[in-house]
N, C-alpha and C. Protein backbone atom coordinates (compact mmCIF):
# COMPACT_ATOMS: atom_id res chain seq x y z
N MET A 1 67.79 52.06 202.79
CA MET A 1 67.30 51.89 201.51
C MET A 1 67.86 50.76 200.30
N LEU A 2 69.22 50.82 200.71
CA LEU A 2 70.29 49.93 199.76
C LEU A 2 70.06 48.65 200.44
N LYS A 3 70.11 48.43 201.69
CA LYS A 3 70.53 47.23 202.67
C LYS A 3 68.97 46.74 202.66
N GLU A 4 67.96 47.53 202.65
CA GLU A 4 66.50 46.61 202.46
C GLU A 4 66.31 45.96 201.26
N SER A 5 66.56 46.66 200.39
CA SER A 5 66.32 46.17 198.96
C SER A 5 67.23 45.03 198.68
N LEU A 6 68.77 45.13 199.13
CA LEU A 6 69.65 44.01 198.68
C LEU A 6 68.77 42.78 199.54
N ILE A 7 68.44 43.00 200.81
CA ILE A 7 67.78 42.19 201.41
C ILE A 7 66.60 41.25 200.73
N GLU A 8 65.67 42.48 200.70
CA GLU A 8 64.23 41.86 199.95
C GLU A 8 64.41 41.24 199.10
N ASN A 9 65.17 41.45 197.98
CA ASN A 9 65.19 41.23 196.49
C ASN A 9 66.42 39.76 196.30
N HIS A 10 66.90 39.54 197.19
CA HIS A 10 68.30 38.65 197.14
C HIS A 10 68.84 39.17 196.24
N SER A 11 69.42 40.44 196.28
CA SER A 11 69.81 40.55 194.91
C SER A 11 71.82 41.11 194.92
N ILE A 12 72.31 40.14 195.80
CA ILE A 12 73.61 40.28 195.76
C ILE A 12 74.34 38.84 194.79
N ALA A 13 75.11 39.07 194.26
CA ALA A 13 76.09 38.23 193.94
C ALA A 13 77.61 38.58 193.82
N LEU A 14 78.19 37.45 194.64
CA LEU A 14 79.92 38.28 194.66
C LEU A 14 80.59 37.29 194.11
N ASN A 15 82.01 37.69 193.79
CA ASN A 15 82.82 36.92 193.08
C ASN A 15 82.28 35.81 191.85
N GLN A 16 81.71 36.66 191.07
CA GLN A 16 80.97 36.16 189.89
C GLN A 16 81.83 36.49 188.37
N THR A 17 81.99 35.65 187.55
CA THR A 17 82.73 35.23 186.52
C THR A 17 81.71 36.31 185.34
N ALA A 18 82.51 37.33 184.55
CA ALA A 18 81.65 37.52 183.45
C ALA A 18 82.80 37.95 182.33
N THR A 19 82.34 37.81 181.28
CA THR A 19 83.85 37.85 180.22
C THR A 19 83.46 39.33 179.65
N SER A 20 82.67 39.68 180.27
CA SER A 20 82.05 41.20 179.37
C SER A 20 81.23 42.26 180.38
N TRP A 21 81.22 43.19 180.48
CA TRP A 21 80.17 44.38 180.93
C TRP A 21 78.88 43.89 180.70
N GLN A 22 78.75 43.92 179.67
CA GLN A 22 77.25 43.13 179.26
C GLN A 22 76.88 42.28 180.23
N GLU A 23 77.87 41.31 180.14
CA GLU A 23 77.63 39.95 181.12
C GLU A 23 77.26 40.38 182.47
N ALA A 24 78.32 41.05 183.41
CA ALA A 24 78.27 41.73 184.29
C ALA A 24 77.05 42.31 184.21
N ILE A 25 76.40 43.27 184.25
CA ILE A 25 75.34 43.69 183.80
C ILE A 25 73.88 43.06 183.98
N LYS A 26 74.19 42.00 183.40
CA LYS A 26 73.02 41.04 183.14
C LYS A 26 73.10 39.99 184.28
N ILE A 27 73.84 39.54 185.11
CA ILE A 27 73.90 39.21 185.98
C ILE A 27 72.94 39.97 187.28
N GLY A 28 73.43 41.35 187.45
CA GLY A 28 72.48 42.32 188.47
C GLY A 28 71.32 42.13 187.98
N THR A 29 71.05 42.30 186.69
CA THR A 29 69.54 42.72 186.19
C THR A 29 68.74 41.25 186.50
N ASP A 30 69.10 40.25 185.92
CA ASP A 30 68.52 39.14 185.95
C ASP A 30 68.05 38.89 187.78
N LEU A 31 68.87 39.21 188.44
CA LEU A 31 68.60 39.21 190.05
C LEU A 31 66.91 39.91 190.15
N LEU A 32 67.20 41.23 189.35
CA LEU A 32 66.26 42.07 189.72
C LEU A 32 64.84 41.73 189.30
N VAL A 33 65.11 40.97 188.04
CA VAL A 33 63.87 40.68 186.96
C VAL A 33 63.43 39.30 187.77
N LYS A 34 64.25 38.82 188.56
CA LYS A 34 63.75 37.46 189.41
C LYS A 34 62.87 37.94 190.54
N ALA A 35 63.34 39.07 191.01
CA ALA A 35 62.45 39.75 192.34
C ALA A 35 61.37 40.50 191.85
N GLY A 36 61.09 40.56 190.23
CA GLY A 36 59.71 41.52 190.26
C GLY A 36 59.86 42.88 190.43
N THR A 37 61.17 43.36 190.27
CA THR A 37 61.46 44.95 190.65
C THR A 37 61.76 45.64 189.30
N ILE A 38 61.99 44.83 187.98
CA ILE A 38 62.35 45.41 187.09
C ILE A 38 61.69 44.55 186.06
N GLU A 39 61.42 44.87 184.79
CA GLU A 39 61.29 44.34 183.49
C GLU A 39 62.57 44.06 182.98
N PRO A 40 62.37 42.79 182.04
CA PRO A 40 63.52 42.42 181.60
C PRO A 40 64.10 43.50 180.20
N ARG A 41 62.78 44.41 179.74
CA ARG A 41 63.57 45.51 178.85
C ARG A 41 64.39 46.08 179.57
N TYR A 42 64.36 46.71 181.18
CA TYR A 42 65.33 47.41 181.41
C TYR A 42 67.10 47.20 181.45
N TYR A 43 67.14 46.10 181.03
CA TYR A 43 68.68 45.15 180.73
C TYR A 43 69.11 45.78 179.13
N ASP A 44 67.69 45.86 178.63
CA ASP A 44 68.57 46.19 177.06
C ASP A 44 68.13 48.13 177.05
N HIS A 45 67.93 48.43 177.58
CA HIS A 45 67.57 49.95 177.57
C HIS A 45 69.62 50.50 178.16
N ILE A 46 69.63 49.77 179.32
CA ILE A 46 70.96 50.25 179.94
C ILE A 46 72.11 49.96 178.80
N ILE A 47 71.86 48.78 178.09
CA ILE A 47 73.11 48.37 177.32
C ILE A 47 73.03 49.54 176.15
N GLY A 48 72.00 49.91 175.80
CA GLY A 48 71.48 50.72 174.56
C GLY A 48 71.98 51.85 174.89
N ASN A 49 71.69 52.21 176.02
CA ASN A 49 72.38 54.03 176.45
C ASN A 49 74.16 53.94 176.56
N ILE A 50 74.66 52.89 176.88
CA ILE A 50 75.78 52.81 177.32
C ILE A 50 76.68 52.85 176.07
N GLU A 51 75.92 51.88 174.75
CA GLU A 51 76.58 51.98 173.74
C GLU A 51 76.17 53.32 172.82
N LYS A 52 75.35 53.98 173.53
CA LYS A 52 74.73 55.30 173.00
C LYS A 52 75.71 56.47 173.00
N MET A 53 75.84 56.45 174.35
CA MET A 53 76.70 57.57 174.97
C MET A 53 78.10 57.10 175.89
N GLY A 54 78.38 56.27 175.62
CA GLY A 54 79.56 55.74 176.28
C GLY A 54 79.15 55.11 177.61
N PRO A 55 80.41 54.96 178.76
CA PRO A 55 80.34 54.24 179.91
C PRO A 55 79.88 55.49 181.06
N TYR A 56 78.89 56.08 181.02
CA TYR A 56 78.70 57.52 181.83
C TYR A 56 78.43 56.03 183.12
N ILE A 57 78.21 55.23 182.82
CA ILE A 57 77.70 54.36 184.41
C ILE A 57 78.66 54.33 185.55
N ILE A 58 79.81 54.59 184.93
CA ILE A 58 81.58 54.42 185.85
C ILE A 58 81.16 55.52 186.69
N LEU A 59 81.51 55.24 187.92
CA LEU A 59 81.63 56.49 188.84
C LEU A 59 82.77 56.74 189.35
N ALA A 60 83.66 55.78 189.25
CA ALA A 60 84.87 55.71 189.89
C ALA A 60 85.65 54.74 189.70
N PRO A 61 86.91 54.83 189.60
CA PRO A 61 87.88 53.47 189.07
C PRO A 61 87.54 52.58 189.50
N GLY A 62 87.07 51.20 188.80
CA GLY A 62 86.73 49.96 189.68
C GLY A 62 85.37 49.75 189.77
N LEU A 63 84.43 51.21 189.99
CA LEU A 63 83.08 50.76 190.18
C LEU A 63 81.94 51.50 189.15
N ALA A 64 80.85 50.79 188.81
CA ALA A 64 80.02 50.99 187.67
C ALA A 64 78.51 51.01 188.62
N MET A 65 77.68 51.67 188.14
CA MET A 65 76.42 51.94 188.55
C MET A 65 75.46 51.74 187.14
N PRO A 66 75.30 50.90 186.62
CA PRO A 66 74.18 50.75 185.83
C PRO A 66 72.65 51.01 185.93
N HIS A 67 72.16 51.66 185.20
CA HIS A 67 71.06 52.24 185.69
C HIS A 67 70.04 52.80 183.87
N ALA A 68 68.91 52.90 183.88
CA ALA A 68 68.35 53.81 183.02
C ALA A 68 67.30 54.24 183.36
N ARG A 69 66.59 55.14 182.61
CA ARG A 69 65.52 55.73 183.12
C ARG A 69 64.00 55.08 183.82
N PRO A 70 63.56 55.90 184.88
CA PRO A 70 62.42 54.66 185.32
C PRO A 70 61.36 54.39 184.41
N GLU A 71 60.85 54.84 183.58
CA GLU A 71 59.99 54.39 182.53
C GLU A 71 60.48 53.26 181.40
N GLU A 72 61.71 53.09 181.52
CA GLU A 72 62.14 52.02 181.05
C GLU A 72 62.17 50.78 181.67
N GLY A 73 61.44 50.30 182.27
CA GLY A 73 61.12 49.14 182.73
C GLY A 73 61.16 48.99 184.42
N VAL A 74 61.39 50.14 185.23
CA VAL A 74 61.06 49.83 186.43
C VAL A 74 59.83 49.69 187.02
N ILE A 75 59.53 48.49 188.01
CA ILE A 75 58.64 48.10 188.56
C ILE A 75 58.57 48.86 190.40
N LYS A 76 59.82 48.48 190.72
CA LYS A 76 59.77 49.22 192.23
C LYS A 76 61.38 49.50 191.90
N THR A 77 61.60 50.59 192.93
CA THR A 77 62.78 51.18 193.54
C THR A 77 63.58 49.60 193.88
N SER A 78 64.75 49.27 193.60
CA SER A 78 65.78 48.27 193.74
C SER A 78 67.07 48.53 193.48
N PHE A 79 68.24 47.79 194.17
CA PHE A 79 69.22 47.70 193.81
C PHE A 79 69.76 46.05 193.48
N ALA A 80 70.77 46.08 192.99
CA ALA A 80 71.68 44.39 192.79
C ALA A 80 72.89 44.75 193.23
N LEU A 81 73.51 44.42 193.70
CA LEU A 81 75.31 44.09 193.88
C LEU A 81 76.04 43.13 193.03
N VAL A 82 76.77 43.40 192.17
CA VAL A 82 77.70 42.17 191.90
C VAL A 82 79.30 42.51 192.03
N THR A 83 79.71 41.70 192.50
CA THR A 83 81.40 41.87 191.90
C THR A 83 81.77 41.10 191.26
N LEU A 84 83.09 41.17 190.72
CA LEU A 84 83.85 40.02 189.69
C LEU A 84 84.95 39.69 190.38
N LYS A 85 85.54 38.21 190.05
CA LYS A 85 86.83 37.52 190.46
C LYS A 85 87.51 38.49 189.53
N GLU A 86 87.44 38.53 188.18
CA GLU A 86 88.51 39.58 187.37
C GLU A 86 87.72 40.44 186.73
N PRO A 87 87.92 41.68 187.01
CA PRO A 87 87.22 43.01 186.16
C PRO A 87 87.24 43.00 184.90
N VAL A 88 85.99 43.70 184.35
CA VAL A 88 85.76 43.65 183.05
C VAL A 88 86.29 45.00 182.52
N THR A 89 86.38 45.38 181.18
CA THR A 89 86.90 46.45 180.44
C THR A 89 85.71 47.29 179.66
N PHE A 90 85.50 48.47 179.80
CA PHE A 90 84.61 48.95 178.89
C PHE A 90 85.49 49.76 177.70
N GLU A 91 84.68 49.61 176.71
CA GLU A 91 85.50 50.26 175.36
C GLU A 91 85.82 51.62 175.54
N GLY A 92 86.98 51.99 175.33
CA GLY A 92 87.74 53.50 175.42
C GLY A 92 88.36 53.87 176.87
N GLU A 93 88.00 52.45 178.07
CA GLU A 93 88.30 53.09 179.37
C GLU A 93 89.47 51.95 179.70
N ASP A 94 90.41 53.02 180.53
CA ASP A 94 91.77 52.39 180.81
C ASP A 94 91.14 51.33 182.37
N GLU A 95 90.53 51.83 183.04
CA GLU A 95 90.35 51.33 184.27
C GLU A 95 89.36 50.20 184.40
N PRO A 96 89.98 48.84 184.53
CA PRO A 96 88.52 47.96 184.42
C PRO A 96 88.05 48.09 185.50
N VAL A 97 86.28 47.51 185.53
CA VAL A 97 85.18 47.45 186.51
C VAL A 97 85.49 46.16 187.25
N SER A 98 85.23 46.13 188.69
CA SER A 98 84.94 44.85 189.61
C SER A 98 83.62 44.87 190.27
N VAL A 99 83.16 46.23 190.52
CA VAL A 99 81.84 46.35 191.03
C VAL A 99 80.81 47.04 190.40
N PHE A 100 79.86 46.30 190.37
CA PHE A 100 78.52 47.03 189.70
C PHE A 100 77.06 47.13 190.91
N ILE A 101 76.95 48.14 190.73
CA ILE A 101 75.48 48.21 191.42
C ILE A 101 74.29 48.62 190.49
N ILE A 102 73.75 48.13 190.21
CA ILE A 102 72.52 48.03 189.37
C ILE A 102 71.59 49.13 190.46
N LEU A 103 71.05 50.08 189.65
CA LEU A 103 70.02 51.11 190.25
C LEU A 103 68.74 50.73 189.43
N ALA A 104 67.60 50.66 190.05
CA ALA A 104 66.47 50.84 189.49
C ALA A 104 65.76 51.87 190.38
N GLY A 105 65.88 53.32 190.07
CA GLY A 105 65.22 54.09 190.64
C GLY A 105 63.53 54.28 189.92
N SER A 106 62.44 54.15 190.89
CA SER A 106 61.05 54.11 190.39
C SER A 106 60.71 55.95 190.13
N ASP A 107 61.78 56.64 190.51
CA ASP A 107 61.35 58.21 189.91
C ASP A 107 62.70 58.83 190.24
N SER A 108 63.00 59.93 189.69
CA SER A 108 64.00 60.71 189.89
C SER A 108 64.81 60.95 191.24
N ASP A 109 63.48 61.05 192.58
CA ASP A 109 63.97 61.20 193.81
C ASP A 109 64.51 59.99 194.20
N ARG A 110 63.74 58.78 194.08
CA ARG A 110 64.35 57.51 194.50
C ARG A 110 65.89 57.37 193.86
N HIS A 111 65.98 57.69 192.94
CA HIS A 111 67.17 57.66 192.12
C HIS A 111 68.26 58.32 192.45
N MET A 112 67.85 59.32 192.71
CA MET A 112 69.23 60.23 193.51
C MET A 112 69.48 59.88 194.88
N GLU A 113 68.53 59.40 195.67
CA GLU A 113 68.69 59.09 197.32
C GLU A 113 69.59 57.79 197.30
N GLY A 114 69.28 56.54 196.02
CA GLY A 114 69.95 55.40 195.94
C GLY A 114 71.21 56.10 195.82
N LEU A 115 71.81 56.92 194.70
CA LEU A 115 73.19 57.33 194.37
C LEU A 115 73.45 57.72 195.23
N MET A 116 72.83 58.61 196.34
CA MET A 116 73.67 59.23 197.54
C MET A 116 74.11 58.24 198.67
N GLU A 117 73.34 57.35 198.92
CA GLU A 117 73.53 56.63 199.70
C GLU A 117 74.30 55.28 199.48
N ILE A 118 74.62 54.76 197.97
CA ILE A 118 75.88 54.32 197.34
C ILE A 118 77.13 54.93 197.73
N THR A 119 77.06 56.13 197.42
CA THR A 119 78.42 57.13 197.41
C THR A 119 78.62 57.04 199.12
N GLN A 120 77.67 57.26 200.07
CA GLN A 120 78.16 57.28 201.17
C GLN A 120 78.44 55.91 201.75
N VAL A 121 78.27 54.82 201.31
CA VAL A 121 78.83 53.57 201.71
C VAL A 121 79.83 53.37 201.40
N LEU A 122 80.23 53.95 200.27
CA LEU A 122 81.74 53.36 199.33
C LEU A 122 82.63 54.35 199.57
N ASP A 123 82.31 55.57 200.11
CA ASP A 123 83.20 56.88 200.27
C ASP A 123 84.29 56.52 201.09
N ASP A 124 85.55 57.28 200.69
CA ASP A 124 86.87 57.01 201.28
C ASP A 124 87.55 58.18 201.21
N GLU A 125 87.79 59.24 202.51
CA GLU A 125 88.45 60.37 202.00
C GLU A 125 89.96 60.00 202.01
N GLU A 126 90.35 58.93 202.47
CA GLU A 126 91.87 58.57 202.35
C GLU A 126 92.05 58.10 201.01
N SER A 127 91.38 57.40 200.35
CA SER A 127 91.49 56.77 198.86
C SER A 127 91.71 57.81 198.29
N GLU A 128 92.51 57.64 197.03
CA GLU A 128 92.85 58.47 196.25
C GLU A 128 92.07 58.90 195.26
N THR A 129 90.68 58.09 194.98
CA THR A 129 89.61 57.96 194.39
C THR A 129 88.60 58.19 195.12
N GLY A 130 88.56 58.45 196.40
CA GLY A 130 87.32 58.79 196.92
C GLY A 130 86.81 57.80 197.49
N VAL A 131 86.95 56.56 196.47
CA VAL A 131 86.30 55.46 197.14
C VAL A 131 86.58 54.39 197.29
N ASN A 132 86.44 53.39 198.49
CA ASN A 132 86.66 52.45 198.67
C ASN A 132 86.57 50.89 198.27
N LEU A 133 86.74 50.62 197.11
CA LEU A 133 85.84 49.26 196.75
C LEU A 133 86.78 47.88 197.77
N ASP A 134 87.68 48.20 197.98
CA ASP A 134 88.27 46.78 198.84
C ASP A 134 87.25 46.51 199.71
N LYS A 135 86.23 47.40 200.23
CA LYS A 135 85.53 46.95 201.26
C LYS A 135 84.38 46.43 201.09
N VAL A 136 83.88 46.76 199.64
CA VAL A 136 82.88 45.82 198.84
C VAL A 136 83.70 44.49 198.64
N LEU A 137 84.86 44.24 197.74
CA LEU A 137 85.48 43.14 197.05
C LEU A 137 86.17 42.37 198.28
N THR A 138 86.31 42.76 199.50
CA THR A 138 86.55 41.58 200.24
C THR A 138 85.37 40.92 200.95
N CYS A 139 83.88 41.74 200.79
CA CYS A 139 82.96 40.86 201.28
C CYS A 139 82.72 39.28 200.50
N LYS A 140 83.01 38.05 201.25
CA LYS A 140 82.53 37.11 201.00
C LYS A 140 81.31 36.32 201.21
N THR A 141 80.59 37.04 201.94
CA THR A 141 79.06 36.55 202.28
C THR A 141 78.33 37.71 202.03
N VAL A 142 77.07 37.63 201.77
CA VAL A 142 76.08 38.69 201.87
C VAL A 142 76.06 39.27 203.26
N GLU A 143 76.22 38.47 204.54
CA GLU A 143 76.02 39.05 205.80
C GLU A 143 77.08 40.14 205.78
N ASP A 144 78.43 39.74 205.09
CA ASP A 144 79.79 40.97 205.11
C ASP A 144 79.07 42.12 204.36
N VAL A 145 78.61 42.09 203.44
CA VAL A 145 77.72 43.09 202.78
C VAL A 145 76.95 43.98 203.57
N TYR A 146 76.12 43.43 204.22
CA TYR A 146 75.19 44.28 205.08
C TYR A 146 75.84 44.70 206.03
N ALA A 147 76.77 44.04 206.90
CA ALA A 147 77.86 44.28 207.76
C ALA A 147 78.36 45.59 207.11
N MET A 148 79.21 45.80 206.07
CA MET A 148 79.75 46.73 205.65
C MET A 148 78.91 48.26 205.41
N ILE A 149 77.41 47.75 204.96
CA ILE A 149 76.29 48.90 204.77
C ILE A 149 76.37 49.38 206.06
N ASP A 150 76.14 48.63 207.22
CA ASP A 150 75.47 49.14 208.38
C ASP A 150 76.49 50.05 209.10
N GLN A 151 78.20 49.62 208.95
CA GLN A 151 79.05 50.38 209.28
C GLN A 151 79.21 51.83 208.67
N ALA A 152 79.18 51.54 207.14
CA ALA A 152 79.42 53.05 206.37
C ALA A 152 77.97 54.01 207.05
N LEU A 153 77.10 53.55 206.90
CA LEU A 153 75.42 54.72 207.34
C LEU A 153 75.64 54.73 208.82
N ASN A 154 76.21 53.99 209.55
CA ASN A 154 76.46 54.45 211.07
C ASN A 154 77.60 55.12 211.54
N ALA A 155 78.55 55.30 210.64
CA ALA A 155 79.54 55.88 211.24
C ALA A 155 79.91 57.11 211.60
């Protein structure tokens, strides 16, 4: 589901420059708006939710999964992957974030499936945090990303 969505929607942006977490999320949501899988308002809902509830989207040090509710602008379940040259920090958080995986789930089942697949791809029992972001951050091309996903899901 993750890889198919990234291929179909051309929604990978590697080594991007963003001055804020809002800007980093916008890079990803813009890819999905262009692909026609979310409405522009989905971005506004993500930002609004984070401003209200804090950075609940941080799954592990360095990794954020911005998302909002299906009715807040999801047209079709999709993902976008954004990596940053320089990580950005969320207010009140010590750990800066350099990997953003935008999740747009069309319903709660799709949302959970997407979350589990991302967790499986980045899972690393040897890592202190349980997540291996270097796997993503060393990807230089979209083909590298596809290969990393295949390797993780077929391990």
